Structures are given as structure tokens and as C-alpha cells.
Protein backbone atom coordinates (compact mmCIF):
# COMPACT_ATOMS: atom_id res chain seq x y z
CA MET A 1 0.00 0.00 0.00
CA HIS A 2 2.82 2.37 0.90
CA LEU A 3 4.65 1.59 -2.33
CA ILE A 4 1.54 2.31 -4.41
CA ALA A 5 0.95 5.66 -2.69
CA LYS A 6 4.58 6.63 -3.06
CA THR A 7 4.50 5.80 -6.78
CA CYS A 8 1.36 7.89 -7.25
CA PHE A 9 2.88 10.89 -5.50
CA THR A 10 6.06 10.64 -7.54
CA GLY A 11 4.02 10.99 -10.70
CA PHE A 12 2.65 14.32 -9.55
CA ARG A 13 6.07 15.98 -9.13
CA VAL A 14 5.85 18.32 -12.10
CA ASN A 15 7.49 21.70 -12.44
CA LEU A 16 4.20 23.56 -12.13
CA ILE A 17 3.07 25.42 -9.05
CA HIS A 18 -0.21 23.52 -8.71
CA SER A 19 1.59 20.20 -8.25
CA LYS A 20 2.84 21.35 -4.87
CA TYR A 21 -0.66 22.09 -3.69
CA LEU A 22 -2.10 18.77 -4.88
CA SER A 23 0.12 16.82 -2.54
CA CYS A 24 -0.19 19.19 0.40
CA MET A 25 -3.98 18.94 0.41
CA GLN A 26 -3.54 15.33 1.51
CA LEU A 27 -1.30 16.34 4.44
CA THR A 28 -3.96 17.80 6.73
CA SER A 29 -5.07 14.50 8.32
CA ARG A 30 -4.74 14.46 12.06
CA ARG A 31 -1.60 12.95 13.57
CA ASP A 32 -3.54 10.54 15.74
CA LYS A 33 -4.74 8.75 12.60
CA LEU A 34 -1.26 8.20 11.22
CA SER A 35 -0.27 5.34 13.50
CA SER A 36 -2.74 3.00 11.79
CA THR A 37 -1.46 3.65 8.27
CA ILE A 38 2.33 4.01 8.50
CA SER A 39 5.19 1.97 9.82
CA PRO A 40 6.18 2.30 13.50
CA GLN A 41 9.55 3.73 12.43
CA ALA A 42 7.94 6.47 10.35
CA PHE A 43 5.48 7.36 13.08
CA SER A 44 8.29 7.52 15.64
CA CYS A 45 10.18 9.92 13.37
CA LEU A 46 7.07 12.04 12.99
CA THR A 47 6.40 12.44 16.70
CA SER A 48 10.00 12.67 17.91
CA ASN A 49 11.37 15.97 19.17
CA LYS A 50 14.84 15.05 17.92
CA ILE A 51 14.31 15.79 14.25
CA LYS A 52 17.00 17.21 12.04
CA VAL A 53 16.39 19.86 9.42
CA GLY A 54 15.17 18.30 6.21
CA GLN A 55 14.42 14.91 7.76
CA TYR A 56 10.65 15.36 7.64
CA ARG A 57 9.23 16.14 4.22
CA PRO A 58 5.89 15.63 2.48
CA THR A 59 5.95 11.97 1.44
CA SER A 60 3.25 9.40 0.92
CA HIS A 61 4.07 7.21 3.92
CA GLN A 62 3.55 10.13 6.32
CA VAL A 63 -0.09 10.87 5.52
CA HIS A 64 -3.38 9.13 6.06
CA LEU A 65 -4.14 8.61 2.40
CA LYS A 66 -6.30 6.40 0.24
CA VAL A 67 -5.09 6.00 -3.31
CA LYS A 68 -8.59 6.16 -4.73
CA SER A 69 -9.05 9.62 -3.22
CA LEU A 70 -6.21 11.13 -5.22
CA PRO A 71 -7.30 13.87 -7.66
CA ASN A 72 -7.19 13.03 -11.35
CA VAL A 73 -4.43 14.98 -13.07
CA THR A 74 -3.77 15.27 -16.78
CA ILE A 75 -0.45 16.77 -17.81
CA GLY A 76 -0.49 18.65 -21.10
CA LYS A 77 2.17 20.67 -22.86
CA LYS A 78 0.92 24.00 -21.62
CA GLU A 79 -1.57 23.30 -18.89
CA LEU A 80 -2.37 21.17 -15.87
CA LEU A 81 -5.97 20.02 -15.64
CA VAL A 82 -7.14 19.13 -12.18
CA GLN A 83 -10.45 17.44 -11.48
CA ASN A 84 -11.73 17.54 -7.92
CA GLY A 85 -8.56 19.45 -7.02
CA TRP A 86 -8.04 23.15 -6.29
CA LYS A 87 -11.18 25.21 -6.47
CA ASP A 88 -12.72 27.86 -4.26
CA ASN A 89 -15.31 26.43 -1.93
CA GLN A 90 -18.83 27.79 -2.09
CA MET A 91 -18.91 29.81 1.10
CA ASP A 92 -21.05 32.52 2.54
CA LEU A 93 -19.75 35.90 1.42
CA MET A 94 -19.64 36.97 5.04
CA LYS A 95 -16.88 34.42 5.69
CA TRP A 96 -14.51 35.64 3.00
CA PRO A 97 -13.16 38.54 5.11
CA LEU A 98 -12.00 35.95 7.64
CA VAL A 99 -10.22 34.03 4.87
CA TYR A 100 -8.50 37.18 3.64
CA ALA A 101 -7.57 38.09 7.21
CA SER A 102 -5.96 34.68 7.65
CA LEU A 103 -4.07 35.04 4.36
CA SER A 104 -2.85 38.45 5.51
CA LYS A 105 -1.72 37.11 8.91
CA TRP A 106 -3.80 39.82 10.55
CA TYR A 107 -1.90 39.63 13.85
CA LEU A 108 1.42 40.25 12.09
CA THR A 109 -0.10 42.96 9.90
CA TRP A 110 -1.46 44.66 13.02
CA PHE A 111 2.02 44.63 14.57
CA VAL A 112 3.59 46.07 11.41
CA VAL A 113 1.00 48.85 11.28
CA MET A 114 1.49 49.69 14.96
CA THR A 115 5.27 50.07 14.54
CA ALA A 116 4.77 52.25 11.46
CA ASP A 117 2.28 54.43 13.34
CA ALA A 118 4.70 54.67 16.27
CA GLY A 119 7.40 55.87 13.89
CA TYR A 120 5.04 58.53 12.58
CA CYS A 121 4.06 59.69 16.07
CA LEU A 122 7.69 59.93 17.18
CA ALA A 123 8.64 62.15 14.25
CA PRO A 124 9.29 65.80 15.16
CA VAL A 125 6.53 67.30 13.02
CA PRO A 126 2.92 68.37 13.60
CA PHE A 127 0.42 65.53 13.41
CA GLU A 128 -1.55 65.38 10.14
CA GLN A 129 -4.50 63.04 10.25
CA SER A 130 -4.74 62.48 6.49
CA THR A 131 -1.09 61.49 6.14
CA PHE A 132 -1.33 59.29 9.20
CA LEU A 133 -4.35 57.43 7.80
CA LEU A 134 -2.74 57.00 4.38
CA VAL A 135 0.52 55.59 5.74
CA THR A 136 -1.50 53.27 7.98
CA LEU A 137 -3.57 52.01 5.05
CA GLY A 138 -0.63 51.70 2.67
CA THR A 139 1.50 49.85 5.19
CA ALA A 140 -1.34 47.46 6.02
CA LEU A 141 -1.98 46.64 2.35
CA CYS A 142 1.72 46.01 1.67
CA SER A 143 1.87 43.71 4.68
CA CYS A 144 -1.24 41.82 3.52
CA SER A 145 0.36 41.24 0.12
CA ALA A 146 3.70 40.09 1.53
CA ASN A 147 2.10 37.66 3.96
CA THR A 148 -0.16 36.19 1.28
CA LEU A 149 2.75 35.61 -1.10
CA ASN A 150 4.62 33.99 1.76
CA GLN A 151 1.77 31.54 2.38
CA ILE A 152 1.48 30.69 -1.32
CA ALA A 153 5.14 29.68 -1.40
CA GLU A 154 5.03 27.69 1.84
CA VAL A 155 1.88 25.57 1.52
CA PRO A 156 3.66 22.16 1.35
CA TYR A 157 5.73 23.10 4.40
CA ASP A 158 2.89 24.70 6.35
CA ALA A 159 0.97 21.42 6.00
CA GLN A 160 3.66 19.71 8.10
CA MET A 161 3.46 22.10 11.04
CA ASP A 162 0.85 22.09 13.79
CA ARG A 163 0.90 25.88 13.98
CA THR A 164 0.14 26.41 10.28
CA ARG A 165 -1.70 23.32 9.11
CA ASN A 166 -5.11 25.04 9.28
CA ARG A 167 -4.29 27.95 7.00
CA PRO A 168 -6.75 28.53 4.12
CA LEU A 169 -4.38 27.44 1.34
CA VAL A 170 -3.35 24.29 3.18
CA LYS A 171 -6.97 23.27 3.74
CA GLY A 172 -7.94 24.11 0.17
CA ILE A 173 -10.43 26.79 1.17
CA ILE A 174 -9.02 29.18 -1.43
CA SER A 175 -7.07 28.50 -4.62
CA PRO A 176 -3.48 29.68 -5.18
CA LEU A 177 -4.62 31.81 -8.13
CA HIS A 178 -7.26 33.53 -6.01
CA ALA A 179 -4.70 34.18 -3.27
CA PHE A 180 -2.16 35.47 -5.79
CA LEU A 181 -4.67 37.92 -7.26
CA PHE A 182 -5.46 39.12 -3.74
CA ALA A 183 -1.74 39.67 -3.12
CA VAL A 184 -1.30 41.59 -6.38
CA VAL A 185 -4.27 43.85 -5.71
CA THR A 186 -3.32 44.63 -2.11
CA GLY A 187 0.37 45.09 -2.89
CA SER A 188 -0.10 47.39 -5.87
CA THR A 189 -2.80 49.38 -4.08
CA GLY A 190 -0.63 49.73 -0.99
CA VAL A 191 2.43 51.00 -2.86
CA ALA A 192 0.26 53.36 -4.94
CA CYS A 193 -1.38 54.69 -1.79
CA LEU A 194 2.00 55.42 -0.23
CA TYR A 195 3.36 57.01 -3.41
CA GLN A 196 0.36 59.18 -4.25
CA GLY A 197 -0.82 59.99 -0.74
CA VAL A 198 2.44 60.17 1.22
CA ASN A 199 5.77 60.41 -0.64
CA GLY A 200 8.08 58.44 -2.90
CA LEU A 201 10.56 57.51 -0.17
CA THR A 202 7.89 55.87 1.96
CA ALA A 203 6.54 54.02 -1.09
CA ALA A 204 10.04 52.77 -1.94
CA LEU A 205 10.49 51.49 1.61
CA GLY A 206 7.12 49.75 1.43
CA PHE A 207 7.94 48.02 -1.85
CA THR A 208 11.40 47.04 -0.58
CA ASN A 209 9.90 45.53 2.54
CA LEU A 210 7.36 43.56 0.51
CA ALA A 211 10.06 42.20 -1.80
CA LEU A 212 12.43 41.30 1.05
CA TYR A 213 9.78 39.40 2.98
CA ALA A 214 7.99 37.64 0.12
CA GLY A 215 11.14 36.99 -1.90
CA VAL A 216 14.41 36.85 0.02
CA TYR A 217 13.23 35.94 3.52
CA THR A 218 10.72 33.31 2.39
CA ALA A 219 13.30 31.55 0.21
CA LEU A 220 16.05 31.68 2.85
CA LYS A 221 13.88 30.01 5.50
CA ARG A 222 14.42 26.66 3.79
CA LYS A 223 18.08 27.20 2.92
CA HIS A 224 19.99 28.95 5.71
CA TRP A 225 19.55 30.04 9.30
CA PHE A 226 20.66 33.54 8.26
CA ASN A 227 17.03 34.12 7.29
CA THR A 228 16.36 35.54 10.77
CA TRP A 229 18.74 38.42 10.12
CA VAL A 230 16.90 39.26 6.90
CA GLY A 231 13.60 39.00 8.75
CA ALA A 232 14.91 41.40 11.38
CA VAL A 233 15.67 43.96 8.66
CA VAL A 234 12.13 43.50 7.35
CA GLY A 235 10.75 44.14 10.83
CA SER A 236 12.78 47.31 11.27
CA ILE A 237 11.54 49.01 8.08
CA PRO A 238 7.92 49.85 9.11
CA PRO A 239 8.98 52.44 11.73
CA LEU A 240 11.17 54.01 9.06
CA MET A 241 8.11 54.21 6.83
CA GLY A 242 6.17 56.02 9.54
CA TRP A 243 9.03 58.44 10.16
CA THR A 244 9.58 59.24 6.47
CA ALA A 245 5.83 59.69 6.00
CA ALA A 246 5.98 62.50 8.54
CA THR A 247 9.33 64.09 7.70
CA GLY A 248 10.12 62.99 4.14
CA SER A 249 13.66 62.00 5.15
CA LEU A 250 15.69 59.61 7.29
CA ASP A 251 17.74 60.84 10.25
CA SER A 252 19.13 59.64 13.56
CA GLY A 253 15.74 59.49 15.27
CA ALA A 254 14.41 57.06 12.71
CA MET A 255 17.54 54.92 12.87
CA ILE A 256 17.45 54.61 16.67
CA PHE A 257 13.87 53.35 16.73
CA ALA A 258 14.46 51.06 13.74
CA GLY A 259 17.60 49.71 15.40
CA ILE A 260 15.65 48.89 18.55
CA LEU A 261 13.09 47.00 16.46
CA TYR A 262 15.89 45.15 14.67
CA ALA A 263 17.70 44.02 17.84
CA TRP A 264 14.47 43.20 19.70
CA GLN A 265 13.46 40.57 17.17
CA PHE A 266 16.28 38.17 18.07
CA PRO A 267 15.37 37.47 21.72
CA HIS A 268 11.71 37.58 20.72
CA PHE A 269 11.85 35.21 17.75
CA TYR A 270 14.50 32.81 19.02
CA ALA A 271 12.57 32.31 22.24
CA LEU A 272 9.58 31.34 20.11
CA ALA A 273 11.65 29.24 17.70
CA TRP A 274 13.23 27.32 20.57
CA ARG A 275 9.83 26.24 21.83
CA ARG A 276 8.70 25.30 18.31
CA ARG A 277 11.94 23.83 16.98
CA GLY A 278 10.29 20.43 16.44
CA ASP A 279 7.58 22.10 14.37
CA TYR A 280 10.14 23.98 12.31
CA ALA A 281 12.08 20.76 11.74
CA ARG A 282 8.97 19.02 10.44
CA GLY A 283 8.48 21.92 8.04
CA SER A 284 12.11 21.65 6.87
CA TYR A 285 12.93 25.21 7.91
CA HIS A 286 16.52 26.09 8.72
CA MET A 287 16.57 27.84 12.08
CA LEU A 288 19.51 28.56 14.34
CA PRO A 289 17.94 26.80 17.38
CA LEU A 290 17.88 23.60 15.29
CA SER A 291 21.36 23.61 13.80
CA HIS A 292 23.30 25.67 16.38
CA PRO A 293 21.47 25.62 19.74
CA THR A 294 24.50 26.88 21.67
CA ALA A 295 25.04 29.79 19.30
CA THR A 296 21.38 30.74 19.72
CA LYS A 297 21.94 31.55 23.39
CA TYR A 298 24.84 33.87 22.60
CA VAL A 299 22.96 35.59 19.76
CA VAL A 300 20.14 36.36 22.19
CA LEU A 301 22.57 37.79 24.74
CA PHE A 302 24.39 39.85 22.11
CA HIS A 303 21.25 41.52 20.81
CA THR A 304 20.01 42.12 24.34
CA GLY A 305 23.24 44.04 24.90
CA LEU A 306 22.69 45.85 21.60
CA LEU A 307 19.34 47.06 22.91
CA TRP A 308 21.15 48.53 25.92
CA SER A 309 23.59 50.32 23.60
CA LEU A 310 20.86 51.81 21.42
CA CYS A 311 18.94 53.11 24.43
CA LEU A 312 22.11 54.71 25.81
CA ALA A 313 23.00 56.18 22.42
CA ALA A 314 19.62 57.87 21.97
CA PRO A 315 20.37 60.94 24.17
CA VAL A 316 23.97 61.12 22.93
CA THR A 317 22.75 61.58 19.37
CA GLY A 318 20.19 64.12 20.52
CA VAL A 319 17.19 61.94 19.75
CA THR A 320 15.94 61.80 23.35
CA THR A 321 16.77 63.23 26.75
CA LEU A 322 18.52 61.39 29.55
CA TRP A 323 15.11 60.71 31.03
CA PHE A 324 14.65 58.05 28.37
CA VAL A 325 17.74 56.26 29.70
CA ALA A 326 16.27 56.40 33.19
CA MET A 327 12.96 54.97 32.00
CA SER A 328 14.50 52.30 29.76
CA THR A 329 17.04 51.02 32.30
CA PRO A 330 14.64 48.91 34.43
CA ILE A 331 13.01 47.61 31.24
CA ASN A 332 16.39 46.55 29.85
CA LEU A 333 17.34 45.00 33.18
CA TRP A 334 14.20 42.86 33.06
CA LEU A 335 14.91 41.66 29.52
CA SER A 336 18.57 41.04 30.40
CA TYR A 337 17.57 38.85 33.33
CA LYS A 338 15.23 36.77 31.17
CA SER A 339 17.87 36.47 28.44
CA TYR A 340 20.50 35.38 30.94
CA ARG A 341 18.11 32.85 32.44
CA PHE A 342 17.45 31.45 28.97
CA HIS A 343 21.22 31.29 28.42
CA ARG A 344 21.75 29.32 31.63
CA GLU A 345 18.74 26.99 31.57
CA THR A 346 17.85 26.81 27.86
CA ASN A 347 14.55 25.00 28.27
CA SER A 348 10.97 25.54 27.20
CA ASN A 349 10.05 27.35 30.41
CA SER A 350 12.88 29.89 30.20
CA ALA A 351 12.14 30.36 26.49
CA LEU A 352 8.48 31.04 27.26
CA GLN A 353 9.40 33.56 29.96
CA LEU A 354 11.77 35.35 27.57
CA TYR A 355 9.11 35.40 24.85
CA LYS A 356 6.51 36.96 27.15
CA CYS A 357 9.03 39.46 28.45
CA SER A 358 9.94 40.51 24.91
CA LEU A 359 6.31 41.35 24.16
CA TYR A 360 6.05 43.65 27.17
CA TYR A 361 9.50 45.06 26.44
CA LEU A 362 8.54 46.47 23.05
CA LEU A 363 5.36 48.00 24.42
CA LEU A 364 7.14 49.64 27.37
CA ILE A 365 10.09 50.93 25.34
CA SER A 366 7.76 52.41 22.73
CA LEU A 367 5.77 54.08 25.50
CA ALA A 368 8.97 55.46 27.04
CA LEU A 369 10.01 56.91 23.67
CA VAL A 370 6.65 58.58 23.15
CA VAL A 371 6.61 60.04 26.67
CA ASP A 372 10.15 61.35 26.30
CA ARG A 373 9.67 62.82 22.82
CA LYS A 374 6.17 64.19 23.13
CA VAL A 375 5.96 65.13 26.81
CA LEU A 376 9.27 65.50 28.63
CA SER A 377 11.26 67.06 25.79
CA LYS A 378 8.61 69.75 25.32
CA MET A 379 8.49 70.46 29.04
CA LEU A 380 12.26 70.81 29.21
CA THR A 381 12.48 73.20 26.27
CA LYS A 382 9.99 75.65 27.80
CA ASP A 383 12.53 76.85 30.32
CA ASN A 384 16.17 76.65 29.25
CA ASN A 385 17.33 78.21 32.51
CA ASN A 386 16.29 75.42 34.84
CA ASP A 387 18.40 72.47 35.94
CA PHE A 388 17.16 70.29 33.14
CA SER A 389 18.85 72.43 30.50
CA LEU A 390 21.73 69.95 30.70
CA LEU A 391 19.49 67.41 29.00
CA PRO A 392 18.85 68.98 25.59
CA VAL A 393 17.17 67.49 22.60
CA LYS A 394 18.36 68.44 19.14
CA GLU A 395 16.50 71.53 18.03
CA SER A 396 16.36 70.19 14.49
CA ILE A 397 14.14 67.33 15.57
CA LEU A 398 11.78 69.16 17.92
């Protein structure tokens, strides 16, 4: 039975994008059903936490599959005809927004928009509601497009992971063509919105971010653990977009906030990746916690120290006052403690504590920046003769 299924799957390996989705649609069976259809050795490999990168891939002996249920495929010279294969399900129109939200990874899009809005609010210019709304909309649309393209490329791998196996493309709720058209419409509309409604620099940053995430980062995830560094660059661009939307240029204030976002992603993501390293291994993703677990601990510590340096450099460059250092010090001490604990213990509990701490860290640091830039710096500049005159903020950015 296994040999027959394997032979059938081999026949579907064609160099067309739909062939990937045909096989992955069979990979959504629950794991508790696998033990009755595969060998004990294969099932042990599937459920083991000690899985190496690339060891677990979509193959016929790893799915609960009946040969007669395979879709009929006819390969022609210029087309691939699929019967009972990919097609949009007949759903209530009210449910489609939920499908699009899932394609867009709404939680990630929300985070991207919030960092872009924070960058806009921190900029030293008067608040303009129209520009703020346009940069919010444009950033959100670009993020929706990038996340959708990412899911289109990763369907066979998402089907292997518990965290992603229920995504719309994996379950066949929406076709790849439909998802691709959604990505094209949102991406082009987002860039156009930023270009026409904001400025060319912000639009260029938005397009660059989309291309880096959907192209470079997505491809690197299955090839090299360096993908996290590229992903960190992607995560640091949205605050730059918010800043340039307000000022039309890049300066030290934008770089400090973007640098904090860049360094923050390493303790945040590696804490998550450590807890889900088995899931990433099943999806054949190359992550540092899988291939170099010891190095992961030092990378987390290094970037925690980098966060300290950026917070200390902010008043030196004139971006903030020394009050920001005072407010950020206990926050950095908290993150440093959690990072050091993860370095010493390196288990799921310490990783979870570091992950939770990183979420609060970003919120508190952003709040400290806003309070310093929008409240304290204005209070201190009202009276240059008081004791606080030793804590100036660059006049060019007020």
C-alpha cells in the first residue's frame, strides 16, 4: 500500500506550481490517525522531538491517504488540468473577510502597522490626520500582500506544522490563483497609496519591505539560518516608513527606533523558535535553534546588549533626553535577566518567559520613547534656565 501511494505521488512531481498544492492537500489529516497507516519507524520519526532539518518532508508514507481519493491529473504541454482538485469552496460571502484576514496574517499585519504608526508619532513634526491614515492604510496593504505571497510559497511546508496546518491554502479553502490575485491587488494598491498619498521615499520602503519578505526571507527560511537576520531587517523598516511619511527624510531618530526593532526581534523570535523547533524541523525550515542551539543563546545575549547600547545612544545623538535612559534602564534589566536565564537553563520554560518578556519590552520601550519625545522634551524646552537644560534634545528634531 505504501509503495503504491509513493509511486502515485512521484508521478505528480511536475514543475508547475499547482503540483505542490495537490500533494499538500492530503497532508492535513490528524496525527492521531497516522499510527494505523504508517510503519512504527515512520510514526516515531514524525512524533520525535529530535528531528534534524530536512528529515521530515511531504511523502506518501507520512499521511493518512487512500489511493482512490487522489485527484485526477492530466499533464499537457501547456496546462495542468485538475479534477476535484483546487477550487474555491462555495462559502457565505460573510466568511470571506475571515479568509483574507488569515491570508494576511492579521496579527502580524497589526504589529507592522502599529510600529509604522509609532514611527510617525515619534517624528518631530505636527500631526496630520490624512497622512497618518494614508501611511497606515498603505503599510497594512503592503503587509497583507507580503504575507499572502509567503503563504502561497510555503503551503507544502505549512501542512507539516501544527501551527500552520489550518491555514486557508493548506486546507484548500481558497485557490493559489485567487490568493495570488489578492496579493497583487493589495500590494499594488498599498504602494500606490503610499506614493500618491504620502511620498516616494515611503513608497520605496514599502515596496522594498514587501520584496524582502515575500522573496528573500521566504526563500532563505528553507536554505539557511541567516534568514532571521533578513527577517529582522524587514521588521525594522515599518517604523522608518512612519518616520519618512511624517518628515520625508531619514535621520538619527528614525535609525534609533528602527535599530531597537531590529535588535528586539532576536530574543523575541529565538525564544519562540526554541519552543517550536520540532515544528520547524517538520516543516524543513533552517533555524539557528535547530542547527546551532549553543550559538542561539549567545545571539540572544548579544542583541540584548545591543538594545542597551541603542537606548544609551539615543540621548547622545540628541534623539531623546537622559530621562529616556532612566525609563529604559529597568526595562532593559528585566529583559537582560530573562535572556541570561534562557542562556543558563535553555529549556521551554525559560524560552516562554523570555518570549513573554519581549512582548512587554517592546510595548514599554515604545511608550517610554513617546513620553520622552512628546511630553518630557517639550516640558524641558519651555525653560532653558532650569536644571534640566543639561538634558537637551536636538532643536532640528523638535
